[in-house]
């Protein structure tokens, strides 16, 4: 039981977390943004497949973080499937 002279604590107001759904994926930061990120990317080609894949995955991870910042990349992949 609270004492009469104690002040009630205020709850911190929180912004709702963005949810990963079809609307978000097709929205302005969705697949269109991903294509814009990759539009000017130049891949090295034959013999450099690992470096190209690494570059692609970094861009994809960056895009996923901008889309839903609270999800880890592995969780994003699971939910996007």
C-alpha atoms as a PDB file:
ATOM      1  CA  UNK A   1       0.000   0.000   0.000  1.00  0.00           C
ATOM      2  CA  UNK A   2       1.291   3.455  -0.909  1.00  0.00           C
ATOM      3  CA  UNK A   3       1.813   6.136   1.656  1.00  0.00           C
ATOM      4  CA  UNK A   4      -0.169   9.352   1.336  1.00  0.00           C
ATOM      5  CA  UNK A   5       2.909  11.518   0.757  1.00  0.00           C
ATOM      6  CA  UNK A   6       4.403   9.380  -2.064  1.00  0.00           C
ATOM      7  CA  UNK A   7       4.013  10.715  -5.574  1.00  0.00           C
ATOM      8  CA  UNK A   8       2.727   8.311  -8.205  1.00  0.00           C
ATOM      9  CA  UNK A   9       5.267   7.606 -10.947  1.00  0.00           C
ATOM     10  CA  UNK A  10       4.365   8.576 -14.479  1.00  0.00           C
ATOM     11  CA  UNK A  11       4.535   5.928 -17.152  1.00  0.00           C
ATOM     12  CA  UNK A  12       6.856   6.788 -19.986  1.00  0.00           C
ATOM     13  CA  UNK A  13       4.988   7.268 -23.232  1.00  0.00           C
ATOM     14  CA  UNK A  14       6.318   5.005 -25.944  1.00  0.00           C
ATOM     15  CA  UNK A  15       5.995   5.099 -29.667  1.00  0.00           C
ATOM     16  CA  UNK A  16       4.524   1.924 -31.112  1.00  0.00           C
ATOM     17  CA  UNK A  17       7.005  -0.360 -32.822  1.00  0.00           C
ATOM     18  CA  UNK A  18       6.564  -0.728 -36.559  1.00  0.00           C
ATOM     19  CA  UNK A  19       5.280  -4.162 -37.523  1.00  0.00           C
ATOM     20  CA  UNK A  20       6.599  -6.142 -40.439  1.00  0.00           C
ATOM     21  CA  UNK A  21       3.655  -6.745 -42.735  1.00  0.00           C
ATOM     22  CA  UNK A  22       2.778  -6.550 -46.421  1.00  0.00           C
ATOM     23  CA  UNK A  23       1.857  -2.869 -46.177  1.00  0.00           C
ATOM     24  CA  UNK A  24       5.257  -1.970 -44.739  1.00  0.00           C
ATOM     25  CA  UNK A  25       7.129  -4.098 -47.294  1.00  0.00           C
ATOM     26  CA  UNK A  26       5.330  -2.454 -50.206  1.00  0.00           C
ATOM     27  CA  UNK A  27       5.449   1.048 -48.704  1.00  0.00           C
ATOM     28  CA  UNK A  28       7.942   3.834 -49.473  1.00  0.00           C
ATOM     29  CA  UNK A  29      10.726   2.284 -47.375  1.00  0.00           C
ATOM     30  CA  UNK A  30       9.942  -1.216 -48.619  1.00  0.00           C
ATOM     31  CA  UNK A  31      11.035  -2.947 -51.798  1.00  0.00           C
ATOM     32  CA  UNK A  32      11.249   0.338 -53.717  1.00  0.00           C
ATOM     33  CA  UNK A  33      13.891   1.597 -51.296  1.00  0.00           C
ATOM     34  CA  UNK A  34      15.794  -1.679 -51.636  1.00  0.00           C
ATOM     35  CA  UNK A  35      15.895  -1.352 -55.414  1.00  0.00           C
ATOM     36  CA  UNK A  36      17.089   2.261 -55.051  1.00  0.00           C
ATOM     37  CA  UNK A  37      19.877   1.121 -52.713  1.00  0.00           C
ATOM     38  CA  UNK A  38      21.046  -1.490 -55.199  1.00  0.00           C
ATOM     39  CA  UNK A  39      20.519   0.579 -58.346  1.00  0.00           C
ATOM     40  CA  UNK A  40      23.950   2.198 -58.333  1.00  0.00           C
ATOM     41  CA  UNK A  41      25.853  -0.721 -56.823  1.00  0.00           C
ATOM     42  CA  UNK A  42      28.531  -2.146 -59.110  1.00  0.00           C
ATOM     43  CA  UNK A  43      29.454  -5.759 -58.539  1.00  0.00           C
ATOM     44  CA  UNK A  44      32.926  -7.029 -59.380  1.00  0.00           C
ATOM     45  CA  UNK A  45      31.870 -10.106 -61.340  1.00  0.00           C
ATOM     46  CA  UNK A  46      33.498 -13.452 -62.019  1.00  0.00           C
ATOM     47  CA  UNK A  47      36.015 -14.556 -59.409  1.00  0.00           C
ATOM     48  CA  UNK A  48      34.724 -12.052 -56.850  1.00  0.00           C
ATOM     49  CA  UNK A  49      31.419 -13.742 -56.026  1.00  0.00           C
ATOM     50  CA  UNK A  50      32.105 -13.806 -52.281  1.00  0.00           C
ATOM     51  CA  UNK A  51      32.828 -10.069 -52.149  1.00  0.00           C
ATOM     52  CA  UNK A  52      29.729  -9.357 -54.255  1.00  0.00           C
ATOM     53  CA  UNK A  53      27.544 -11.491 -51.985  1.00  0.00           C
ATOM     54  CA  UNK A  54      29.020  -9.785 -48.917  1.00  0.00           C
ATOM     55  CA  UNK A  55      28.208  -6.361 -50.384  1.00  0.00           C
ATOM     56  CA  UNK A  56      24.685  -7.477 -51.256  1.00  0.00           C
ATOM     57  CA  UNK A  57      24.050  -8.865 -47.771  1.00  0.00           C
ATOM     58  CA  UNK A  58      25.323  -5.676 -46.098  1.00  0.00           C
ATOM     59  CA  UNK A  59      22.969  -3.570 -48.225  1.00  0.00           C
ATOM     60  CA  UNK A  60      20.110  -5.948 -47.467  1.00  0.00           C
ATOM     61  CA  UNK A  61      20.836  -5.812 -43.720  1.00  0.00           C
ATOM     62  CA  UNK A  62      20.984  -1.997 -43.812  1.00  0.00           C
ATOM     63  CA  UNK A  63      17.631  -1.866 -45.612  1.00  0.00           C
ATOM     64  CA  UNK A  64      16.043  -4.309 -43.150  1.00  0.00           C
ATOM     65  CA  UNK A  65      17.258  -2.246 -40.189  1.00  0.00           C
ATOM     66  CA  UNK A  66      15.804   0.951 -41.657  1.00  0.00           C
ATOM     67  CA  UNK A  67      12.501  -0.825 -42.279  1.00  0.00           C
ATOM     68  CA  UNK A  68      12.087  -2.353 -38.793  1.00  0.00           C
ATOM     69  CA  UNK A  69      14.897  -1.205 -36.464  1.00  0.00           C
ATOM     70  CA  UNK A  70      13.847  -3.297 -33.464  1.00  0.00           C
ATOM     71  CA  UNK A  71      14.294  -6.635 -35.265  1.00  0.00           C
ATOM     72  CA  UNK A  72      17.609  -8.406 -35.616  1.00  0.00           C
ATOM     73  CA  UNK A  73      18.438  -9.362 -39.199  1.00  0.00           C
ATOM     74  CA  UNK A  74      17.847 -13.087 -38.591  1.00  0.00           C
ATOM     75  CA  UNK A  75      14.432 -12.326 -37.096  1.00  0.00           C
ATOM     76  CA  UNK A  76      13.617 -10.074 -40.041  1.00  0.00           C
ATOM     77  CA  UNK A  77      14.403 -12.901 -42.463  1.00  0.00           C
ATOM     78  CA  UNK A  78      12.190 -15.334 -40.533  1.00  0.00           C
ATOM     79  CA  UNK A  79       9.245 -12.930 -40.411  1.00  0.00           C
ATOM     80  CA  UNK A  80       9.612 -11.852 -44.031  1.00  0.00           C
ATOM     81  CA  UNK A  81       9.330 -15.447 -45.229  1.00  0.00           C
END
